[in-house]
Amino acid sequence: MKKVLSALLAMLMVSAAATVHGADFNAAWGEAAERYKERADQQGVVGSSLYILQNGEILGHEHYGFADLDTQRPVDADTIFHWASITKTLTVVAAMQLVERGLLSLDDPVVRYLPEVRKVHNSYGSMDEITLRHLITHTSGFRGSTFPWGGSEDWHPHEPTDWAQVAAMMPYTEIEFEPGSRFSYSNPGLSMLGRVVEEVTGDSIETYLTKNILMPLGMTRSYFDVTPYYLLADRSNNYARTDDQVTAQGLDFDTGATVGNGGLNGPVSDMVKWLNFWIGVGDEGTYDFVLSRDTLEQMWRPIYPTSDPTVDEQMGMGFFVIDHASSYDGQTHRYIGHTGSQKSFTAFVYVEPKSKAAAIFTNNTTTKGVSREDSILRATRKDLFETVLPLLGR
């Protein structure tokens, strides 16, 4: 009954949006939704969801395929997906909460909180010169992957299971470029930031994020790593597709010491609440408790160009900033967001602050042989930036 009522409510929301935005939006969304489903068909996607929002209202949504093939359980509004590196946006906000409370400074050296980092080889200078700001902006010089070796065997852990394993790798780690000189995406850097939050607050990063972000924002069906028993019926599996063979990779996996880097799970409905916080729709008093508007907008200022040659993208403080020139209206629109990819889950979330519009995509399948640019994630993102979201910025 709950799912029937949710579907009816969503239909009413889309109907209301048609009145507000007119036939041009409905036509653009309808065509983009069809292209999204065609890509899913072509790439053999098992299950996926796509949402468009404005001012907290769902203007359009699509659920595609199955959350689990064995049970033929369809994807719906309650399906719990893995959000991978989108978790980083919560961890960075957590760090900025501590900055606002005077417990951290962005210019604090990382070694003040994690003395084991001193063992990293740094041919560019002292490890004391690498700051929390470098971690947040991905300019620290740390490598991209958490494990510099292994991970290919079934018995290997998915990620280091506790911080001691990460710390043990420090003597075998080097700084790859002069800190602060350029952007280079670093998963270890954000894992370290999560560890700093733990050291300062005394909470695990999962506990801190739950108490200080998920609970205040009402994200009650979101959690980290292993699924609570009462949510298992809605948890999505994830699948690796090779030609005609589809391999299930399991409902759960442990991100261990890297949970602040990529351990978040939850339904799209909770991700809607996270993006409503970004764009400032809803309970402003609660939002100010989470983080001040001024600080959040400061985090969205572009600082360093990224290494992606296919988009006009820069790194802010934990958020990516994309300026997309749409041929639809001849205007350049600025989108703030993040992508995620882990196991066979992929996802993106973006907002256009000026129009208070947002897009959410999530998917439980990766397909061998599909290029990064042609992947359903990248192609759908480009399509929305070009044909749908510009309509909401007028």
Protein backbone atom coordinates (compact mmCIF):
# COMPACT_ATOMS: atom_id res chain seq x y z
CA MET A 1 0.00 0.00 0.00
CA LYS A 2 2.85 2.34 0.89
CA LYS A 3 4.44 1.89 -2.55
CA VAL A 4 1.08 2.44 -4.32
CA LEU A 5 0.56 5.71 -2.44
CA SER A 6 4.14 6.78 -3.24
CA ALA A 7 3.57 6.13 -6.95
CA LEU A 8 0.28 8.09 -6.95
CA LEU A 9 1.94 11.01 -5.17
CA ALA A 10 4.80 11.04 -7.69
CA MET A 11 2.29 11.09 -10.57
CA LEU A 12 0.49 14.06 -9.02
CA MET A 13 3.80 15.90 -8.63
CA VAL A 14 4.70 15.36 -12.29
CA SER A 15 1.22 16.52 -13.33
CA ALA A 16 1.57 19.68 -11.28
CA ALA A 17 5.01 20.30 -12.81
CA ALA A 18 3.46 20.16 -16.28
CA THR A 19 1.22 23.08 -15.38
CA VAL A 20 4.05 25.13 -13.92
CA HIS A 21 6.76 24.55 -16.54
CA GLY A 22 4.71 24.08 -19.67
CA ALA A 23 4.89 21.76 -22.61
CA ASP A 24 8.53 22.55 -23.44
CA PHE A 25 9.79 21.03 -20.18
CA ASN A 26 7.47 18.03 -20.47
CA ALA A 27 8.62 17.36 -24.01
CA ALA A 28 12.32 17.75 -23.14
CA TRP A 29 12.02 15.53 -20.07
CA GLY A 30 10.01 12.90 -21.94
CA GLU A 31 12.60 12.71 -24.73
CA ALA A 32 15.53 12.62 -22.29
CA ALA A 33 13.83 9.89 -20.25
CA GLU A 34 13.38 7.79 -23.40
CA ARG A 35 17.04 8.22 -24.33
CA TYR A 36 18.01 7.21 -20.78
CA LYS A 37 15.95 4.01 -21.04
CA GLU A 38 17.39 3.27 -24.49
CA ARG A 39 20.92 3.56 -23.09
CA ALA A 40 19.98 1.27 -20.23
CA ASP A 41 18.65 -1.28 -22.72
CA GLN A 42 21.72 -1.04 -24.95
CA GLN A 43 24.19 -1.36 -22.06
CA GLY A 44 22.31 -4.18 -20.35
CA VAL A 45 21.63 -2.25 -17.17
CA VAL A 46 19.82 -4.31 -14.55
CA GLY A 47 18.39 -1.44 -12.47
CA SER A 48 18.55 2.34 -12.34
CA SER A 49 16.71 5.53 -11.30
CA LEU A 50 16.71 9.09 -12.63
CA TYR A 51 15.12 12.14 -10.97
CA ILE A 52 14.73 15.84 -11.81
CA LEU A 53 13.83 18.29 -9.03
CA GLN A 54 13.22 21.99 -8.59
CA ASN A 55 12.54 23.82 -5.34
CA GLY A 56 12.23 20.44 -3.64
CA GLU A 57 9.50 19.26 -6.02
CA ILE A 58 9.94 16.13 -8.12
CA LEU A 59 9.32 17.24 -11.70
CA GLY A 60 10.15 13.94 -13.38
CA HIS A 61 11.35 10.50 -12.43
CA GLU A 62 12.09 7.13 -14.03
CA HIS A 63 12.68 3.75 -12.41
CA TYR A 64 14.21 1.16 -14.68
CA GLY A 65 14.63 -2.59 -14.32
CA PHE A 66 15.36 -4.64 -11.25
CA ALA A 67 16.99 -4.15 -7.88
CA ASP A 68 17.56 -7.89 -7.75
CA LEU A 69 17.43 -10.33 -10.65
CA ASP A 70 16.94 -13.52 -8.64
CA THR A 71 13.76 -12.26 -7.00
CA GLN A 72 12.72 -10.05 -9.96
CA ARG A 73 12.27 -7.22 -7.48
CA PRO A 74 11.75 -4.01 -9.49
CA VAL A 75 13.51 -0.73 -8.80
CA ASP A 76 11.15 1.75 -7.13
CA ALA A 77 11.22 4.85 -4.92
CA ASP A 78 12.24 2.75 -1.90
CA THR A 79 15.17 0.93 -3.53
CA ILE A 80 18.39 1.40 -1.57
CA PHE A 81 21.43 2.05 -3.76
CA HIS A 82 25.09 2.54 -2.91
CA TRP A 83 26.29 6.14 -3.45
CA ALA A 84 30.06 5.49 -3.41
CA SER A 85 32.14 8.69 -3.62
CA ILE A 86 29.11 10.93 -3.17
CA THR A 87 29.77 10.02 0.48
CA LYS A 88 32.68 12.47 0.26
CA THR A 89 30.27 15.41 0.16
CA LEU A 90 29.00 14.41 3.62
CA THR A 91 32.52 13.94 5.01
CA VAL A 92 33.66 17.34 3.76
CA VAL A 93 30.57 19.00 5.23
CA ALA A 94 31.37 17.22 8.51
CA ALA A 95 34.88 18.68 8.49
CA MET A 96 33.48 22.15 7.75
CA GLN A 97 31.06 21.79 10.67
CA LEU A 98 34.10 21.35 12.91
CA VAL A 99 35.74 24.39 11.30
CA GLU A 100 32.62 26.48 12.04
CA ARG A 101 32.68 25.23 15.65
CA GLY A 102 36.33 26.22 16.06
CA LEU A 103 37.56 22.65 16.46
CA LEU A 104 39.52 22.58 13.18
CA SER A 105 41.23 25.04 10.85
CA LEU A 106 41.62 24.38 7.15
CA ASP A 107 45.28 25.31 7.46
CA ASP A 108 45.96 22.77 10.20
CA PRO A 109 48.64 20.26 9.15
CA VAL A 110 47.30 16.74 8.73
CA VAL A 111 50.08 15.37 10.96
CA ARG A 112 48.65 17.30 13.92
CA TYR A 113 45.80 14.77 14.00
CA LEU A 114 47.40 11.82 12.18
CA PRO A 115 51.07 11.67 13.23
CA GLU A 116 51.53 8.39 11.32
CA VAL A 117 51.37 10.43 8.09
CA ARG A 118 54.90 11.67 8.88
CA LYS A 119 56.19 8.33 7.56
CA VAL A 120 55.05 9.15 3.99
CA HIS A 121 57.93 9.83 1.60
CA ASN A 122 57.74 13.48 0.48
CA SER A 123 60.47 14.65 -1.87
CA TYR A 124 58.75 18.06 -2.14
CA GLY A 125 59.18 19.15 1.47
CA SER A 126 57.94 18.46 4.98
CA MET A 127 54.74 16.54 5.67
CA ASP A 128 53.90 19.37 8.08
CA GLU A 129 53.13 21.48 5.01
CA ILE A 130 50.20 19.28 3.88
CA THR A 131 46.99 20.68 5.35
CA LEU A 132 43.34 19.76 5.73
CA ARG A 133 42.64 22.22 2.91
CA HIS A 134 44.83 20.10 0.61
CA LEU A 135 42.83 16.99 1.50
CA ILE A 136 39.47 18.71 0.91
CA THR A 137 40.50 20.11 -2.48
CA HIS A 138 42.31 16.95 -3.68
CA THR A 139 45.61 18.81 -3.98
CA SER A 140 47.62 16.95 -1.33
CA GLY A 141 49.74 14.87 -3.71
CA PHE A 142 48.47 11.55 -2.34
CA ARG A 143 47.76 8.78 -4.84
CA GLY A 144 44.28 8.08 -6.21
CA SER A 145 43.58 4.54 -4.97
CA THR A 146 43.47 3.38 -1.37
CA PHE A 147 45.40 0.17 -1.99
CA PRO A 148 48.56 0.62 -4.08
CA TRP A 149 48.60 -3.13 -4.75
CA GLY A 150 46.38 -6.21 -4.70
CA GLY A 151 42.62 -6.34 -4.52
CA SER A 152 42.18 -8.80 -7.39
CA GLU A 153 41.68 -11.98 -5.37
CA ASP A 154 38.38 -13.07 -3.83
CA TRP A 155 39.99 -13.28 -0.40
CA HIS A 156 41.37 -9.72 -0.54
CA PRO A 157 39.36 -7.21 1.51
CA HIS A 158 37.38 -4.74 -0.57
CA GLU A 159 39.08 -1.89 1.31
CA PRO A 160 41.33 -1.76 4.39
CA THR A 161 39.14 -2.99 7.23
CA ASP A 162 40.52 -0.62 9.86
CA TRP A 163 42.71 2.45 10.13
CA ALA A 164 45.74 0.43 11.30
CA GLN A 165 45.98 -1.10 7.82
CA VAL A 166 45.96 2.34 6.20
CA ALA A 167 48.56 3.59 8.68
CA ALA A 168 50.76 0.56 7.95
CA MET A 169 50.93 1.61 4.29
CA MET A 170 52.32 5.08 5.07
CA PRO A 171 55.99 4.06 4.81
CA TYR A 172 55.21 2.63 1.36
CA THR A 173 53.42 5.80 0.21
CA GLU A 174 54.85 8.85 -1.51
CA ILE A 175 53.65 12.34 -2.32
CA GLU A 176 53.37 12.38 -6.10
CA PHE A 177 53.51 16.14 -6.78
CA GLU A 178 54.05 19.41 -4.94
CA PRO A 179 51.09 19.85 -2.59
CA GLY A 180 48.80 22.71 -3.62
CA SER A 181 50.19 22.88 -7.16
CA ARG A 182 47.36 21.03 -8.93
CA PHE A 183 44.30 18.81 -8.59
CA SER A 184 44.54 15.02 -8.47
CA TYR A 185 41.62 13.01 -7.11
CA SER A 186 42.63 11.10 -3.99
CA ASN A 187 40.56 8.52 -2.16
CA PRO A 188 43.16 8.15 0.62
CA GLY A 189 43.03 11.92 1.17
CA LEU A 190 39.32 11.83 1.95
CA SER A 191 39.71 8.71 4.06
CA MET A 192 42.27 10.65 6.10
CA LEU A 193 39.83 13.54 6.44
CA GLY A 194 37.25 11.13 7.84
CA ARG A 195 39.86 9.85 10.29
CA VAL A 196 40.57 13.43 11.40
CA VAL A 197 36.85 13.86 12.19
CA GLU A 198 37.09 10.71 14.32
CA GLU A 199 40.17 11.94 16.17
CA VAL A 200 38.63 15.33 16.95
CA THR A 201 35.13 14.17 17.95
CA GLY A 202 35.73 10.74 19.46
CA ASP A 203 32.97 9.29 17.26
CA SER A 204 33.48 6.89 14.39
CA ILE A 205 32.91 8.69 11.10
CA GLU A 206 29.73 6.65 10.53
CA THR A 207 28.36 7.69 13.93
CA TYR A 208 29.35 11.32 13.47
CA LEU A 209 27.75 11.59 10.02
CA THR A 210 24.59 9.87 11.24
CA LYS A 211 24.20 12.14 14.28
CA ASN A 212 25.19 15.41 12.63
CA ILE A 213 23.90 15.09 9.05
CA LEU A 214 21.58 12.13 8.41
CA MET A 215 19.43 12.56 11.53
CA PRO A 216 18.96 16.36 11.35
CA LEU A 217 18.01 16.14 7.67
CA GLY A 218 15.60 13.24 8.18
CA MET A 219 17.61 10.82 6.05
CA THR A 220 16.29 7.94 8.14
CA ARG A 221 16.73 5.14 5.58
CA SER A 222 20.39 5.90 4.89
CA TYR A 223 23.28 4.07 6.54
CA PHE A 224 26.87 2.97 6.01
CA ASP A 225 28.15 -0.40 4.78
CA VAL A 226 26.18 -3.48 5.96
CA THR A 227 22.41 -3.16 5.55
CA PRO A 228 20.24 -3.25 8.70
CA TYR A 229 17.93 -6.29 8.64
CA TYR A 230 14.75 -4.20 8.40
CA LEU A 231 15.96 -2.55 5.15
CA LEU A 232 17.20 -5.68 3.38
CA ALA A 233 13.94 -6.06 1.42
CA ASP A 234 14.72 -2.78 -0.38
CA ARG A 235 18.49 -3.19 -0.88
CA SER A 236 19.75 -3.31 -4.48
CA ASN A 237 22.23 -5.92 -5.60
CA ASN A 238 24.90 -4.83 -8.10
CA TYR A 239 25.95 -6.51 -11.33
CA ALA A 240 28.95 -6.78 -13.64
CA ARG A 241 27.96 -7.47 -17.25
CA THR A 242 30.34 -9.05 -19.76
CA ASP A 243 28.73 -9.72 -23.14
CA ASP A 244 25.62 -11.75 -22.23
CA GLN A 245 26.85 -12.84 -18.82
CA VAL A 246 25.64 -10.98 -15.73
CA THR A 247 27.37 -11.60 -12.41
CA ALA A 248 25.77 -10.52 -9.12
CA GLN A 249 28.32 -9.04 -6.71
CA GLY A 250 26.23 -9.17 -3.55
CA LEU A 251 24.00 -6.85 -1.58
CA ASP A 252 26.66 -5.65 0.85
CA PHE A 253 30.37 -4.96 1.09
CA ASP A 254 32.53 -3.37 3.77
CA THR A 255 34.33 -0.12 3.02
CA GLY A 256 36.11 -0.42 6.36
CA ALA A 257 38.52 2.39 7.13
CA THR A 258 37.47 4.19 3.94
CA VAL A 259 33.80 4.53 4.89
CA GLY A 260 33.96 8.35 4.93
CA ASN A 261 35.33 8.14 1.42
CA GLY A 262 32.58 5.96 -0.04
CA GLY A 263 30.35 3.98 2.34
CA LEU A 264 26.91 5.59 2.06
CA ASN A 265 23.78 3.61 1.12
CA GLY A 266 20.22 4.90 0.89
CA PRO A 267 17.17 5.45 -1.30
CA VAL A 268 16.79 8.28 -3.80
CA SER A 269 14.20 9.84 -1.47
CA ASP A 270 16.96 10.45 1.10
CA MET A 271 19.28 11.83 -1.56
CA VAL A 272 16.50 14.30 -2.43
CA LYS A 273 16.73 15.55 1.18
CA TRP A 274 20.51 15.90 0.88
CA LEU A 275 20.18 18.00 -2.27
CA ASN A 276 17.36 20.08 -0.77
CA PHE A 277 19.87 21.01 1.93
CA TRP A 278 22.34 22.05 -0.77
CA ILE A 279 19.89 24.35 -2.52
CA GLY A 280 18.27 25.61 0.69
CA VAL A 281 14.75 24.27 0.24
CA GLY A 282 12.83 23.41 3.39
CA ASP A 283 13.62 23.93 7.06
CA GLU A 284 16.23 26.68 7.02
CA GLY A 285 16.71 26.47 10.80
CA THR A 286 17.69 22.81 10.53
CA TYR A 287 19.93 23.57 7.57
CA ASP A 288 21.80 26.24 9.51
CA PHE A 289 22.38 23.69 12.25
CA VAL A 290 24.02 21.38 9.72
CA LEU A 291 26.13 24.09 8.04
CA SER A 292 25.74 27.79 7.40
CA ARG A 293 24.69 28.90 3.93
CA ASP A 294 27.77 31.12 3.62
CA THR A 295 30.14 28.23 4.30
CA LEU A 296 28.35 25.91 1.87
CA GLU A 297 28.45 28.47 -0.94
CA GLN A 298 32.11 29.16 -0.21
CA MET A 299 32.76 25.44 -0.77
CA TRP A 300 31.23 25.73 -4.26
CA ARG A 301 33.72 28.31 -5.49
CA PRO A 302 36.00 26.81 -8.17
CA ILE A 303 39.65 26.59 -7.16
CA TYR A 304 41.54 24.10 -9.34
CA PRO A 305 40.81 22.79 -12.84
CA THR A 306 40.34 19.02 -12.92
CA SER A 307 42.04 16.66 -15.32
CA ASP A 308 38.85 15.81 -17.26
CA PRO A 309 39.24 17.07 -20.84
CA THR A 310 35.59 16.39 -21.77
CA VAL A 311 33.95 18.97 -19.48
CA ASP A 312 34.66 22.47 -18.17
CA GLU A 313 35.13 21.23 -14.62
CA GLN A 314 36.88 22.62 -11.58
CA MET A 315 37.32 21.46 -8.00
CA GLY A 316 35.93 23.47 -5.14
CA MET A 317 36.08 22.38 -1.52
CA GLY A 318 34.87 18.81 -1.81
CA PHE A 319 32.44 19.63 -4.62
CA PHE A 320 32.95 19.59 -8.37
CA VAL A 321 31.90 22.66 -10.35
CA ILE A 322 30.90 22.20 -14.00
CA ASP A 323 30.16 25.12 -16.33
CA HIS A 324 28.12 23.82 -19.25
CA ALA A 325 27.35 26.00 -22.26
CA SER A 326 23.98 24.77 -23.49
CA SER A 327 23.10 25.14 -27.16
CA TYR A 328 19.45 25.17 -26.08
CA ASP A 329 19.51 28.70 -24.67
CA GLY A 330 23.03 29.89 -25.47
CA GLN A 331 23.73 30.29 -21.75
CA THR A 332 26.40 28.79 -19.53
CA HIS A 333 24.91 27.04 -16.51
CA ARG A 334 26.90 26.20 -13.39
CA TYR A 335 26.29 22.79 -11.82
CA ILE A 336 27.60 21.72 -8.42
CA GLY A 337 27.86 18.05 -7.56
CA HIS A 338 29.71 14.77 -7.39
CA THR A 339 29.77 11.35 -9.02
CA GLY A 340 30.25 7.96 -7.43
CA SER A 341 31.48 4.56 -8.60
CA GLN A 342 32.18 1.48 -6.49
CA LYS A 343 31.71 -2.21 -7.18
CA SER A 344 29.17 -1.97 -10.04
CA PHE A 345 27.19 0.94 -8.60
CA THR A 346 27.48 4.31 -10.34
CA ALA A 347 25.70 7.55 -9.46
CA PHE A 348 25.67 11.33 -9.79
CA VAL A 349 24.04 14.23 -7.99
CA TYR A 350 24.07 17.82 -9.26
CA VAL A 351 22.33 21.07 -8.40
CA GLU A 352 22.07 24.35 -10.25
CA PRO A 353 21.93 26.78 -7.31
CA LYS A 354 20.59 29.70 -9.37
CA SER A 355 17.42 27.87 -10.42
CA LYS A 356 17.28 25.53 -7.38
CA ALA A 357 17.12 22.61 -9.80
CA ALA A 358 18.71 19.23 -9.19
CA ALA A 359 19.34 15.88 -10.88
CA ILE A 360 19.90 12.45 -9.32
CA PHE A 361 21.04 9.33 -11.16
CA THR A 362 21.87 5.92 -9.77
CA ASN A 363 22.59 2.57 -11.41
CA ASN A 364 23.49 -0.94 -10.25
CA THR A 365 25.35 -2.25 -13.33
CA THR A 366 28.67 -1.79 -15.10
CA THR A 367 29.10 -3.14 -18.63
CA LYS A 368 32.48 -4.25 -19.95
CA GLY A 369 33.42 -2.68 -23.27
CA VAL A 370 31.48 0.56 -22.81
CA SER A 371 33.78 3.57 -22.79
CA ARG A 372 33.72 5.99 -19.87
CA GLU A 373 32.28 8.76 -22.03
CA ASP A 374 29.56 6.50 -23.49
CA SER A 375 28.60 5.05 -20.11
CA ILE A 376 25.01 5.61 -19.06
CA LEU A 377 26.23 7.89 -16.26
CA ARG A 378 28.25 10.25 -18.45
CA ALA A 379 25.85 10.23 -21.40
CA THR A 380 22.81 10.88 -19.20
CA ARG A 381 24.57 13.68 -17.32
CA LYS A 382 25.51 15.39 -20.59
CA ASP A 383 21.98 14.98 -21.91
CA LEU A 384 20.38 16.57 -18.83
CA PHE A 385 22.87 19.45 -18.83
CA GLU A 386 22.12 20.12 -22.48
CA THR A 387 18.38 19.56 -22.88
CA VAL A 388 16.47 19.51 -19.57
CA LEU A 389 18.09 21.49 -16.76
CA PRO A 390 18.53 24.68 -18.83
CA LEU A 391 14.72 24.87 -19.09
CA LEU A 392 14.49 25.23 -15.32
CA GLY A 393 16.95 28.12 -15.20
CA ARG A 394 14.84 30.55 -17.16
